[in-house]
mmCIF file of all heavy atoms, coordinates in Angstrom:
data_MODEL
# 
_entry.id   MODEL 
# 
loop_
_atom_site.group_PDB 
_atom_site.id 
_atom_site.type_symbol 
_atom_site.label_atom_id 
_atom_site.label_alt_id 
_atom_site.label_comp_id 
_atom_site.label_asym_id 
_atom_site.label_entity_id 
_atom_site.label_seq_id 
_atom_site.pdbx_PDB_ins_code 
_atom_site.Cartn_x 
_atom_site.Cartn_y 
_atom_site.Cartn_z 
_atom_site.occupancy 
_atom_site.B_iso_or_equiv 
_atom_site.pdbx_formal_charge 
_atom_site.auth_seq_id 
_atom_site.auth_comp_id 
_atom_site.auth_asym_id 
_atom_site.auth_atom_id 
_atom_site.pdbx_PDB_model_num 
ATOM 1   N N   . VAL A 1 1  ? 92.030  108.302 107.240 1.00 0.00 ? 1  VAL A N   1 
ATOM 2   C CA  . VAL A 1 1  ? 90.933  107.554 106.626 1.00 0.00 ? 1  VAL A CA  1 
ATOM 3   C C   . VAL A 1 1  ? 91.215  106.058 106.614 1.00 0.00 ? 1  VAL A C   1 
ATOM 4   O O   . VAL A 1 1  ? 90.293  105.252 106.755 1.00 0.00 ? 1  VAL A O   1 
ATOM 5   C CB  . VAL A 1 1  ? 90.691  108.076 105.184 1.00 0.00 ? 1  VAL A CB  1 
ATOM 6   C CG1 . VAL A 1 1  ? 89.952  107.070 104.342 1.00 0.00 ? 1  VAL A CG1 1 
ATOM 7   C CG2 . VAL A 1 1  ? 89.946  109.382 105.215 1.00 0.00 ? 1  VAL A CG2 1 
ATOM 8   N N   . ARG A 1 2  ? 92.486  105.687 106.475 1.00 0.00 ? 2  ARG A N   1 
ATOM 9   C CA  . ARG A 1 2  ? 92.841  104.257 106.418 1.00 0.00 ? 2  ARG A CA  1 
ATOM 10  C C   . ARG A 1 2  ? 92.418  103.576 107.713 1.00 0.00 ? 2  ARG A C   1 
ATOM 11  O O   . ARG A 1 2  ? 92.887  103.910 108.780 1.00 0.00 ? 2  ARG A O   1 
ATOM 12  C CB  . ARG A 1 2  ? 94.336  104.086 106.198 1.00 0.00 ? 2  ARG A CB  1 
ATOM 13  C CG  . ARG A 1 2  ? 94.756  104.501 104.810 1.00 0.00 ? 2  ARG A CG  1 
ATOM 14  C CD  . ARG A 1 2  ? 96.208  104.152 104.527 1.00 0.00 ? 2  ARG A CD  1 
ATOM 15  N NE  . ARG A 1 2  ? 96.507  104.449 103.146 1.00 0.00 ? 2  ARG A NE  1 
ATOM 16  C CZ  . ARG A 1 2  ? 97.293  105.449 102.751 1.00 0.00 ? 2  ARG A CZ  1 
ATOM 17  N NH1 . ARG A 1 2  ? 97.871  106.226 103.637 1.00 0.00 ? 2  ARG A NH1 1 
ATOM 18  N NH2 . ARG A 1 2  ? 97.510  105.638 101.475 1.00 0.00 ? 2  ARG A NH2 1 
ATOM 19  N N   . GLY A 1 3  ? 91.497  102.660 107.605 1.00 0.00 ? 3  GLY A N   1 
ATOM 20  C CA  . GLY A 1 3  ? 91.041  101.917 108.771 1.00 0.00 ? 3  GLY A CA  1 
ATOM 21  C C   . GLY A 1 3  ? 89.960  102.609 109.583 1.00 0.00 ? 3  GLY A C   1 
ATOM 22  O O   . GLY A 1 3  ? 89.504  102.072 110.578 1.00 0.00 ? 3  GLY A O   1 
ATOM 23  N N   . ASP A 1 4  ? 89.528  103.786 109.191 1.00 0.00 ? 4  ASP A N   1 
ATOM 24  C CA  . ASP A 1 4  ? 88.463  104.485 109.923 1.00 0.00 ? 4  ASP A CA  1 
ATOM 25  C C   . ASP A 1 4  ? 87.246  104.583 109.015 1.00 0.00 ? 4  ASP A C   1 
ATOM 26  O O   . ASP A 1 4  ? 87.049  105.570 108.307 1.00 0.00 ? 4  ASP A O   1 
ATOM 27  C CB  . ASP A 1 4  ? 88.935  105.872 110.357 1.00 0.00 ? 4  ASP A CB  1 
ATOM 28  C CG  . ASP A 1 4  ? 87.941  106.587 111.269 1.00 0.00 ? 4  ASP A CG  1 
ATOM 29  O OD1 . ASP A 1 4  ? 86.752  106.196 111.301 1.00 0.00 ? 4  ASP A OD1 1 
ATOM 30  O OD2 . ASP A 1 4  ? 88.346  107.554 111.936 1.00 0.00 ? 4  ASP A OD2 1 
ATOM 31  N N   . GLY A 1 5  ? 86.434  103.530 109.033 1.00 0.00 ? 5  GLY A N   1 
ATOM 32  C CA  . GLY A 1 5  ? 85.256  103.473 108.168 1.00 0.00 ? 5  GLY A CA  1 
ATOM 33  C C   . GLY A 1 5  ? 84.281  104.602 108.414 1.00 0.00 ? 5  GLY A C   1 
ATOM 34  O O   . GLY A 1 5  ? 83.641  105.093 107.483 1.00 0.00 ? 5  GLY A O   1 
ATOM 35  N N   . GLU A 1 6  ? 84.158  105.042 109.659 1.00 0.00 ? 6  GLU A N   1 
ATOM 36  C CA  . GLU A 1 6  ? 83.234  106.134 109.966 1.00 0.00 ? 6  GLU A CA  1 
ATOM 37  C C   . GLU A 1 6  ? 83.679  107.427 109.285 1.00 0.00 ? 6  GLU A C   1 
ATOM 38  O O   . GLU A 1 6  ? 82.877  108.119 108.661 1.00 0.00 ? 6  GLU A O   1 
ATOM 39  C CB  . GLU A 1 6  ? 83.154  106.346 111.480 1.00 0.00 ? 6  GLU A CB  1 
ATOM 40  C CG  . GLU A 1 6  ? 82.190  107.463 111.854 1.00 0.00 ? 6  GLU A CG  1 
ATOM 41  C CD  . GLU A 1 6  ? 82.184  107.757 113.347 1.00 0.00 ? 6  GLU A CD  1 
ATOM 42  O OE1 . GLU A 1 6  ? 82.638  106.909 114.130 1.00 0.00 ? 6  GLU A OE1 1 
ATOM 43  O OE2 . GLU A 1 6  ? 81.723  108.847 113.708 1.00 0.00 ? 6  GLU A OE2 1 
ATOM 44  N N   . LEU A 1 7  ? 84.966  107.749 109.398 1.00 0.00 ? 7  LEU A N   1 
ATOM 45  C CA  . LEU A 1 7  ? 85.484  108.964 108.752 1.00 0.00 ? 7  LEU A CA  1 
ATOM 46  C C   . LEU A 1 7  ? 85.364  108.854 107.237 1.00 0.00 ? 7  LEU A C   1 
ATOM 47  O O   . LEU A 1 7  ? 84.937  109.800 106.573 1.00 0.00 ? 7  LEU A O   1 
ATOM 48  C CB  . LEU A 1 7  ? 86.938  109.208 109.156 1.00 0.00 ? 7  LEU A CB  1 
ATOM 49  C CG  . LEU A 1 7  ? 87.633  110.395 108.497 1.00 0.00 ? 7  LEU A CG  1 
ATOM 50  C CD1 . LEU A 1 7  ? 86.885  111.704 108.776 1.00 0.00 ? 7  LEU A CD1 1 
ATOM 51  C CD2 . LEU A 1 7  ? 89.081  110.482 108.969 1.00 0.00 ? 7  LEU A CD2 1 
ATOM 52  N N   . ALA A 1 8  ? 85.711  107.705 106.678 1.00 0.00 ? 8  ALA A N   1 
ATOM 53  C CA  . ALA A 1 8  ? 85.605  107.507 105.230 1.00 0.00 ? 8  ALA A CA  1 
ATOM 54  C C   . ALA A 1 8  ? 84.163  107.676 104.768 1.00 0.00 ? 8  ALA A C   1 
ATOM 55  O O   . ALA A 1 8  ? 83.885  108.329 103.753 1.00 0.00 ? 8  ALA A O   1 
ATOM 56  C CB  . ALA A 1 8  ? 86.136  106.130 104.845 1.00 0.00 ? 8  ALA A CB  1 
ATOM 57  N N   . GLY A 1 9  ? 83.222  107.118 105.524 1.00 0.00 ? 9  GLY A N   1 
ATOM 58  C CA  . GLY A 1 9  ? 81.805  107.257 105.181 1.00 0.00 ? 9  GLY A CA  1 
ATOM 59  C C   . GLY A 1 9  ? 81.338  108.697 105.255 1.00 0.00 ? 9  GLY A C   1 
ATOM 60  O O   . GLY A 1 9  ? 80.573  109.155 104.400 1.00 0.00 ? 9  GLY A O   1 
ATOM 61  N N   . ARG A 1 10 ? 81.774  109.418 106.291 1.00 0.00 ? 10 ARG A N   1 
ATOM 62  C CA  . ARG A 1 10 ? 81.393  110.838 106.413 1.00 0.00 ? 10 ARG A CA  1 
ATOM 63  C C   . ARG A 1 10 ? 81.934  111.649 105.236 1.00 0.00 ? 10 ARG A C   1 
ATOM 64  O O   . ARG A 1 10 ? 81.260  112.552 104.739 1.00 0.00 ? 10 ARG A O   1 
ATOM 65  C CB  . ARG A 1 10 ? 81.910  111.417 107.728 1.00 0.00 ? 10 ARG A CB  1 
ATOM 66  C CG  . ARG A 1 10 ? 81.097  111.002 108.911 1.00 0.00 ? 10 ARG A CG  1 
ATOM 67  C CD  . ARG A 1 10 ? 81.347  111.838 110.149 1.00 0.00 ? 10 ARG A CD  1 
ATOM 68  N NE  . ARG A 1 10 ? 82.630  112.492 110.201 1.00 0.00 ? 10 ARG A NE  1 
ATOM 69  C CZ  . ARG A 1 10 ? 83.554  112.299 111.142 1.00 0.00 ? 10 ARG A CZ  1 
ATOM 70  N NH1 . ARG A 1 10 ? 83.327  111.450 112.114 1.00 0.00 ? 10 ARG A NH1 1 
ATOM 71  N NH2 . ARG A 1 10 ? 84.677  112.955 111.128 1.00 0.00 ? 10 ARG A NH2 1 
ATOM 72  N N   . LEU A 1 11 ? 83.146  111.334 104.804 1.00 0.00 ? 11 LEU A N   1 
ATOM 73  C CA  . LEU A 1 11 ? 83.703  112.045 103.647 1.00 0.00 ? 11 LEU A CA  1 
ATOM 74  C C   . LEU A 1 11 ? 82.840  111.840 102.412 1.00 0.00 ? 11 LEU A C   1 
ATOM 75  O O   . LEU A 1 11 ? 82.508  112.795 101.717 1.00 0.00 ? 11 LEU A O   1 
ATOM 76  C CB  . LEU A 1 11 ? 85.124  111.573 103.352 1.00 0.00 ? 11 LEU A CB  1 
ATOM 77  C CG  . LEU A 1 11 ? 86.242  112.263 104.083 1.00 0.00 ? 11 LEU A CG  1 
ATOM 78  C CD1 . LEU A 1 11 ? 87.577  111.589 103.761 1.00 0.00 ? 11 LEU A CD1 1 
ATOM 79  C CD2 . LEU A 1 11 ? 86.308  113.731 103.747 1.00 0.00 ? 11 LEU A CD2 1 
ATOM 80  N N   . THR A 1 12 ? 82.469  110.586 102.150 1.00 0.00 ? 12 THR A N   1 
ATOM 81  C CA  . THR A 1 12 ? 81.704  110.317 100.931 1.00 0.00 ? 12 THR A CA  1 
ATOM 82  C C   . THR A 1 12 ? 80.306  110.912 100.989 1.00 0.00 ? 12 THR A C   1 
ATOM 83  O O   . THR A 1 12 ? 79.734  111.250 99.955  1.00 0.00 ? 12 THR A O   1 
ATOM 84  C CB  . THR A 1 12 ? 81.602  108.813 100.634 1.00 0.00 ? 12 THR A CB  1 
ATOM 85  O OG1 . THR A 1 12 ? 80.886  108.166 101.681 1.00 0.00 ? 12 THR A OG1 1 
ATOM 86  C CG2 . THR A 1 12 ? 82.974  108.200 100.465 1.00 0.00 ? 12 THR A CG2 1 
ATOM 87  N N   . LYS A 1 13 ? 79.744  111.047 102.195 1.00 0.00 ? 13 LYS A N   1 
ATOM 88  C CA  . LYS A 1 13 ? 78.392  111.589 102.331 1.00 0.00 ? 13 LYS A CA  1 
ATOM 89  C C   . LYS A 1 13 ? 78.361  113.103 102.424 1.00 0.00 ? 13 LYS A C   1 
ATOM 90  O O   . LYS A 1 13 ? 77.443  113.748 101.919 1.00 0.00 ? 13 LYS A O   1 
ATOM 91  C CB  . LYS A 1 13 ? 77.709  110.997 103.570 1.00 0.00 ? 13 LYS A CB  1 
ATOM 92  C CG  . LYS A 1 13 ? 77.334  109.549 103.414 1.00 0.00 ? 13 LYS A CG  1 
ATOM 93  C CD  . LYS A 1 13 ? 76.689  109.017 104.661 1.00 0.00 ? 13 LYS A CD  1 
ATOM 94  C CE  . LYS A 1 13 ? 76.370  107.547 104.482 1.00 0.00 ? 13 LYS A CE  1 
ATOM 95  N NZ  . LYS A 1 13 ? 75.984  106.914 105.726 1.00 0.00 ? 13 LYS A NZ  1 
ATOM 96  N N   . ASN A 1 14 ? 79.333  113.697 103.105 1.00 0.00 ? 14 ASN A N   1 
ATOM 97  C CA  . ASN A 1 14 ? 79.246  115.118 103.441 1.00 0.00 ? 14 ASN A CA  1 
ATOM 98  C C   . ASN A 1 14 ? 80.238  116.024 102.728 1.00 0.00 ? 14 ASN A C   1 
ATOM 99  O O   . ASN A 1 14 ? 80.113  117.241 102.801 1.00 0.00 ? 14 ASN A O   1 
ATOM 100 C CB  . ASN A 1 14 ? 79.425  115.300 104.954 1.00 0.00 ? 14 ASN A CB  1 
ATOM 101 C CG  . ASN A 1 14 ? 78.394  114.539 105.735 1.00 0.00 ? 14 ASN A CG  1 
ATOM 102 O OD1 . ASN A 1 14 ? 77.255  114.437 105.329 1.00 0.00 ? 14 ASN A OD1 1 
ATOM 103 N ND2 . ASN A 1 14 ? 78.800  113.968 106.857 1.00 0.00 ? 14 ASN A ND2 1 
ATOM 104 N N   . ALA A 1 15 ? 81.243  115.458 102.088 1.00 0.00 ? 15 ALA A N   1 
ATOM 105 C CA  . ALA A 1 15 ? 82.277  116.294 101.471 1.00 0.00 ? 15 ALA A CA  1 
ATOM 106 C C   . ALA A 1 15 ? 82.147  116.270 99.958  1.00 0.00 ? 15 ALA A C   1 
ATOM 107 O O   . ALA A 1 15 ? 81.667  115.299 99.375  1.00 0.00 ? 15 ALA A O   1 
ATOM 108 C CB  . ALA A 1 15 ? 83.664  115.797 101.871 1.00 0.00 ? 15 ALA A CB  1 
ATOM 109 N N   . ARG A 1 16 ? 82.584  117.329 99.352  1.00 0.00 ? 16 ARG A N   1 
ATOM 110 C CA  . ARG A 1 16 ? 82.754  117.391 97.905  1.00 0.00 ? 16 ARG A CA  1 
ATOM 111 C C   . ARG A 1 16 ? 84.121  118.000 97.670  1.00 0.00 ? 16 ARG A C   1 
ATOM 112 O O   . ARG A 1 16 ? 84.409  119.101 98.123  1.00 0.00 ? 16 ARG A O   1 
ATOM 113 C CB  . ARG A 1 16 ? 81.678  118.243 97.209  1.00 0.00 ? 16 ARG A CB  1 
ATOM 114 C CG  . ARG A 1 16 ? 80.283  117.662 97.244  1.00 0.00 ? 16 ARG A CG  1 
ATOM 115 C CD  . ARG A 1 16 ? 80.196  116.320 96.513  1.00 0.00 ? 16 ARG A CD  1 
ATOM 116 N NE  . ARG A 1 16 ? 78.958  115.636 96.801  1.00 0.00 ? 16 ARG A NE  1 
ATOM 117 C CZ  . ARG A 1 16 ? 78.797  114.731 97.758  1.00 0.00 ? 16 ARG A CZ  1 
ATOM 118 N NH1 . ARG A 1 16 ? 79.781  114.396 98.538  1.00 0.00 ? 16 ARG A NH1 1 
ATOM 119 N NH2 . ARG A 1 16 ? 77.649  114.141 97.951  1.00 0.00 ? 16 ARG A NH2 1 
ATOM 120 N N   . VAL A 1 17 ? 84.959  117.239 96.982  1.00 0.00 ? 17 VAL A N   1 
ATOM 121 C CA  . VAL A 1 17 ? 86.303  117.701 96.675  1.00 0.00 ? 17 VAL A CA  1 
ATOM 122 C C   . VAL A 1 17 ? 86.347  118.001 95.185  1.00 0.00 ? 17 VAL A C   1 
ATOM 123 O O   . VAL A 1 17 ? 86.108  117.118 94.366  1.00 0.00 ? 17 VAL A O   1 
ATOM 124 C CB  . VAL A 1 17 ? 87.363  116.640 97.039  1.00 0.00 ? 17 VAL A CB  1 
ATOM 125 C CG1 . VAL A 1 17 ? 88.750  117.104 96.630  1.00 0.00 ? 17 VAL A CG1 1 
ATOM 126 C CG2 . VAL A 1 17 ? 87.309  116.330 98.529  1.00 0.00 ? 17 VAL A CG2 1 
ATOM 127 N N   . PHE A 1 18 ? 86.613  119.241 94.856  1.00 0.00 ? 18 PHE A N   1 
ATOM 128 C CA  . PHE A 1 18 ? 86.755  119.650 93.465  1.00 0.00 ? 18 PHE A CA  1 
ATOM 129 C C   . PHE A 1 18 ? 88.245  119.761 93.175  1.00 0.00 ? 18 PHE A C   1 
ATOM 130 O O   . PHE A 1 18 ? 88.978  120.400 93.928  1.00 0.00 ? 18 PHE A O   1 
ATOM 131 C CB  . PHE A 1 18 ? 86.106  121.022 93.234  1.00 0.00 ? 18 PHE A CB  1 
ATOM 132 C CG  . PHE A 1 18 ? 84.609  121.004 93.306  1.00 0.00 ? 18 PHE A CG  1 
ATOM 133 C CD1 . PHE A 1 18 ? 83.948  120.976 94.529  1.00 0.00 ? 18 PHE A CD1 1 
ATOM 134 C CD2 . PHE A 1 18 ? 83.849  121.013 92.151  1.00 0.00 ? 18 PHE A CD2 1 
ATOM 135 C CE1 . PHE A 1 18 ? 82.570  120.967 94.604  1.00 0.00 ? 18 PHE A CE1 1 
ATOM 136 C CE2 . PHE A 1 18 ? 82.468  121.006 92.205  1.00 0.00 ? 18 PHE A CE2 1 
ATOM 137 C CZ  . PHE A 1 18 ? 81.821  120.980 93.435  1.00 0.00 ? 18 PHE A CZ  1 
ATOM 138 N N   . VAL A 1 19 ? 88.686  119.143 92.103  1.00 0.00 ? 19 VAL A N   1 
ATOM 139 C CA  . VAL A 1 19 ? 90.109  119.198 91.759  1.00 0.00 ? 19 VAL A CA  1 
ATOM 140 C C   . VAL A 1 19 ? 90.251  119.276 90.248  1.00 0.00 ? 19 VAL A C   1 
ATOM 141 O O   . VAL A 1 19 ? 89.539  118.599 89.502  1.00 0.00 ? 19 VAL A O   1 
ATOM 142 C CB  . VAL A 1 19 ? 90.871  117.978 92.334  1.00 0.00 ? 19 VAL A CB  1 
ATOM 143 C CG1 . VAL A 1 19 ? 90.399  116.681 91.724  1.00 0.00 ? 19 VAL A CG1 1 
ATOM 144 C CG2 . VAL A 1 19 ? 92.371  118.154 92.185  1.00 0.00 ? 19 VAL A CG2 1 
ATOM 145 N N   . GLY A 1 20 ? 91.138  120.143 89.831  1.00 0.00 ? 20 GLY A N   1 
ATOM 146 C CA  . GLY A 1 20 ? 91.446  120.260 88.411  1.00 0.00 ? 20 GLY A CA  1 
ATOM 147 C C   . GLY A 1 20 ? 92.479  119.215 88.025  1.00 0.00 ? 20 GLY A C   1 
ATOM 148 O O   . GLY A 1 20 ? 93.455  119.013 88.740  1.00 0.00 ? 20 GLY A O   1 
ATOM 149 N N   . GLU A 1 21 ? 92.262  118.549 86.920  1.00 0.00 ? 21 GLU A N   1 
ATOM 150 C CA  . GLU A 1 21 ? 93.220  117.536 86.470  1.00 0.00 ? 21 GLU A CA  1 
ATOM 151 C C   . GLU A 1 21 ? 94.558  118.163 86.087  1.00 0.00 ? 21 GLU A C   1 
ATOM 152 O O   . GLU A 1 21 ? 95.565  117.471 86.030  1.00 0.00 ? 21 GLU A O   1 
ATOM 153 C CB  . GLU A 1 21 ? 92.642  116.746 85.294  1.00 0.00 ? 21 GLU A CB  1 
ATOM 154 C CG  . GLU A 1 21 ? 91.563  115.773 85.713  1.00 0.00 ? 21 GLU A CG  1 
ATOM 155 C CD  . GLU A 1 21 ? 92.083  114.699 86.669  1.00 0.00 ? 21 GLU A CD  1 
ATOM 156 O OE1 . GLU A 1 21 ? 93.154  114.129 86.434  1.00 0.00 ? 21 GLU A OE1 1 
ATOM 157 O OE2 . GLU A 1 21 ? 91.387  114.427 87.659  1.00 0.00 ? 21 GLU A OE2 1 
ATOM 158 N N   . ASN A 1 22 ? 94.586  119.468 85.840  1.00 0.00 ? 22 ASN A N   1 
ATOM 159 C CA  . ASN A 1 22 ? 95.824  120.149 85.476  1.00 0.00 ? 22 ASN A CA  1 
ATOM 160 C C   . ASN A 1 22 ? 96.331  121.025 86.619  1.00 0.00 ? 22 ASN A C   1 
ATOM 161 O O   . ASN A 1 22 ? 96.975  122.036 86.389  1.00 0.00 ? 22 ASN A O   1 
ATOM 162 C CB  . ASN A 1 22 ? 95.616  121.011 84.228  1.00 0.00 ? 22 ASN A CB  1 
ATOM 163 C CG  . ASN A 1 22 ? 95.288  120.172 83.010  1.00 0.00 ? 22 ASN A CG  1 
ATOM 164 O OD1 . ASN A 1 22 ? 95.555  118.981 82.970  1.00 0.00 ? 22 ASN A OD1 1 
ATOM 165 N ND2 . ASN A 1 22 ? 94.705  120.789 82.013  1.00 0.00 ? 22 ASN A ND2 1 
ATOM 166 N N   . ASP A 1 23 ? 96.044  120.636 87.835  1.00 0.00 ? 23 ASP A N   1 
ATOM 167 C CA  . ASP A 1 23 ? 96.469  121.423 88.995  1.00 0.00 ? 23 ASP A CA  1 
ATOM 168 C C   . ASP A 1 23 ? 97.976  121.626 88.958  1.00 0.00 ? 23 ASP A C   1 
ATOM 169 O O   . ASP A 1 23 ? 98.732  120.671 88.825  1.00 0.00 ? 23 ASP A O   1 
ATOM 170 C CB  . ASP A 1 23 ? 96.072  120.724 90.289  1.00 0.00 ? 23 ASP A CB  1 
ATOM 171 C CG  . ASP A 1 23 ? 96.295  121.604 91.488  1.00 0.00 ? 23 ASP A CG  1 
ATOM 172 O OD1 . ASP A 1 23 ? 97.455  121.744 91.925  1.00 0.00 ? 23 ASP A OD1 1 
ATOM 173 O OD2 . ASP A 1 23 ? 95.316  122.181 91.975  1.00 0.00 ? 23 ASP A OD2 1 
ATOM 174 N N   . GLU A 1 24 ? 98.388  122.876 89.073  1.00 0.00 ? 24 GLU A N   1 
ATOM 175 C CA  . GLU A 1 24 ? 99.810  123.196 88.922  1.00 0.00 ? 24 GLU A CA  1 
ATOM 176 C C   . GLU A 1 24 ? 100.676 122.657 90.054  1.00 0.00 ? 24 GLU A C   1 
ATOM 177 O O   . GLU A 1 24 ? 101.875 122.531 89.932  1.00 0.00 ? 24 GLU A O   1 
ATOM 178 C CB  . GLU A 1 24 ? 100.012 124.713 88.768  1.00 0.00 ? 24 GLU A CB  1 
ATOM 179 C CG  . GLU A 1 24 ? 99.630  125.532 89.973  1.00 0.00 ? 24 GLU A CG  1 
ATOM 180 C CD  . GLU A 1 24 ? 98.156  125.895 90.026  1.00 0.00 ? 24 GLU A CD  1 
ATOM 181 O OE1 . GLU A 1 24 ? 97.363  125.391 89.221  1.00 0.00 ? 24 GLU A OE1 1 
ATOM 182 O OE2 . GLU A 1 24 ? 97.798  126.681 90.911  1.00 0.00 ? 24 GLU A OE2 1 
ATOM 183 N N   . ARG A 1 25 ? 100.070 122.287 91.172  1.00 0.00 ? 25 ARG A N   1 
ATOM 184 C CA  . ARG A 1 25 ? 100.822 121.740 92.311  1.00 0.00 ? 25 ARG A CA  1 
ATOM 185 C C   . ARG A 1 25 ? 100.617 120.235 92.462  1.00 0.00 ? 25 ARG A C   1 
ATOM 186 O O   . ARG A 1 25 ? 100.939 119.678 93.496  1.00 0.00 ? 25 ARG A O   1 
ATOM 187 C CB  . ARG A 1 25 ? 100.394 122.434 93.602  1.00 0.00 ? 25 ARG A CB  1 
ATOM 188 C CG  . ARG A 1 25 ? 100.744 123.877 93.671  1.00 0.00 ? 25 ARG A CG  1 
ATOM 189 C CD  . ARG A 1 25 ? 102.139 124.020 94.137  1.00 0.00 ? 25 ARG A CD  1 
ATOM 190 N NE  . ARG A 1 25 ? 102.463 125.426 94.295  1.00 0.00 ? 25 ARG A NE  1 
ATOM 191 C CZ  . ARG A 1 25 ? 103.677 125.859 94.424  1.00 0.00 ? 25 ARG A CZ  1 
ATOM 192 N NH1 . ARG A 1 25 ? 104.672 125.013 94.444  1.00 0.00 ? 25 ARG A NH1 1 
ATOM 193 N NH2 . ARG A 1 25 ? 103.915 127.133 94.537  1.00 0.00 ? 25 ARG A NH2 1 
ATOM 194 N N   . TYR A 1 26 ? 100.044 119.579 91.440  1.00 0.00 ? 26 TYR A N   1 
ATOM 195 C CA  . TYR A 1 26 ? 99.836  118.133 91.455  1.00 0.00 ? 26 TYR A CA  1 
ATOM 196 C C   . TYR A 1 26 ? 98.898  117.691 92.574  1.00 0.00 ? 26 TYR A C   1 
ATOM 197 O O   . TYR A 1 26 ? 98.948  116.561 93.024  1.00 0.00 ? 26 TYR A O   1 
ATOM 198 C CB  . TYR A 1 26 ? 101.166 117.377 91.572  1.00 0.00 ? 26 TYR A CB  1 
ATOM 199 C CG  . TYR A 1 26 ? 102.119 117.642 90.428  1.00 0.00 ? 26 TYR A CG  1 
ATOM 200 C CD1 . TYR A 1 26 ? 103.063 118.647 90.508  1.00 0.00 ? 26 TYR A CD1 1 
ATOM 201 C CD2 . TYR A 1 26 ? 102.069 116.877 89.267  1.00 0.00 ? 26 TYR A CD2 1 
ATOM 202 C CE1 . TYR A 1 26 ? 103.945 118.896 89.463  1.00 0.00 ? 26 TYR A CE1 1 
ATOM 203 C CE2 . TYR A 1 26 ? 102.942 117.111 88.223  1.00 0.00 ? 26 TYR A CE2 1 
ATOM 204 C CZ  . TYR A 1 26 ? 103.875 118.119 88.322  1.00 0.00 ? 26 TYR A CZ  1 
ATOM 205 O OH  . TYR A 1 26 ? 104.740 118.361 87.288  1.00 0.00 ? 26 TYR A OH  1 
ATOM 206 N N   . ARG A 1 27 ? 98.006  118.585 93.025  1.00 0.00 ? 27 ARG A N   1 
ATOM 207 C CA  . ARG A 1 27 ? 97.052  118.204 94.077  1.00 0.00 ? 27 ARG A CA  1 
ATOM 208 C C   . ARG A 1 27 ? 96.113  117.099 93.607  1.00 0.00 ? 27 ARG A C   1 
ATOM 209 O O   . ARG A 1 27 ? 95.586  116.354 94.412  1.00 0.00 ? 27 ARG A O   1 
ATOM 210 C CB  . ARG A 1 27 ? 96.274  119.431 94.562  1.00 0.00 ? 27 ARG A CB  1 
ATOM 211 C CG  . ARG A 1 27 ? 97.088  120.322 95.475  1.00 0.00 ? 27 ARG A CG  1 
ATOM 212 C CD  . ARG A 1 27 ? 96.309  121.545 95.865  1.00 0.00 ? 27 ARG A CD  1 
ATOM 213 N NE  . ARG A 1 27 ? 96.377  122.536 94.816  1.00 0.00 ? 27 ARG A NE  1 
ATOM 214 C CZ  . ARG A 1 27 ? 97.055  123.684 94.918  1.00 0.00 ? 27 ARG A CZ  1 
ATOM 215 N NH1 . ARG A 1 27 ? 97.678  123.977 96.020  1.00 0.00 ? 27 ARG A NH1 1 
ATOM 216 N NH2 . ARG A 1 27 ? 97.082  124.528 93.935  1.00 0.00 ? 27 ARG A NH2 1 
ATOM 217 N N   . ASN A 1 28 ? 95.913  117.007 92.300  1.00 0.00 ? 28 ASN A N   1 
ATOM 218 C CA  . ASN A 1 28 ? 95.070  115.944 91.763  1.00 0.00 ? 28 ASN A CA  1 
ATOM 219 C C   . ASN A 1 28 ? 95.628  114.563 92.139  1.00 0.00 ? 28 ASN A C   1 
ATOM 220 O O   . ASN A 1 28 ? 94.862  113.628 92.350  1.00 0.00 ? 28 ASN A O   1 
ATOM 221 C CB  . ASN A 1 28 ? 94.908  116.071 90.246  1.00 0.00 ? 28 ASN A CB  1 
ATOM 222 C CG  . ASN A 1 28 ? 96.230  116.150 89.511  1.00 0.00 ? 28 ASN A CG  1 
ATOM 223 O OD1 . ASN A 1 28 ? 97.116  116.928 89.872  1.00 0.00 ? 28 ASN A OD1 1 
ATOM 224 N ND2 . ASN A 1 28 ? 96.367  115.375 88.456  1.00 0.00 ? 28 ASN A ND2 1 
ATOM 225 N N   . LEU A 1 29 ? 96.931  114.449 92.277  1.00 0.00 ? 29 LEU A N   1 
ATOM 226 C CA  . LEU A 1 29 ? 97.520  113.167 92.683  1.00 0.00 ? 29 LEU A CA  1 
ATOM 227 C C   . LEU A 1 29 ? 97.217  112.881 94.153  1.00 0.00 ? 29 LEU A C   1 
ATOM 228 O O   . LEU A 1 29 ? 96.926  111.741 94.525  1.00 0.00 ? 29 LEU A O   1 
ATOM 229 C CB  . LEU A 1 29 ? 99.034  113.177 92.440  1.00 0.00 ? 29 LEU A CB  1 
ATOM 230 C CG  . LEU A 1 29 ? 99.473  113.439 90.995  1.00 0.00 ? 29 LEU A CG  1 
ATOM 231 C CD1 . LEU A 1 29 ? 100.994 113.430 90.898  1.00 0.00 ? 29 LEU A CD1 1 
ATOM 232 C CD2 . LEU A 1 29 ? 98.855  112.447 90.032  1.00 0.00 ? 29 LEU A CD2 1 
# 
């Protein structure tokens, strides 16, 4: 994503990332 505005834009438009703040594997970080 760093430096790829097209990919970053597609993520914000087409993706939804659900994450628990208490994720046991620290995926929230």
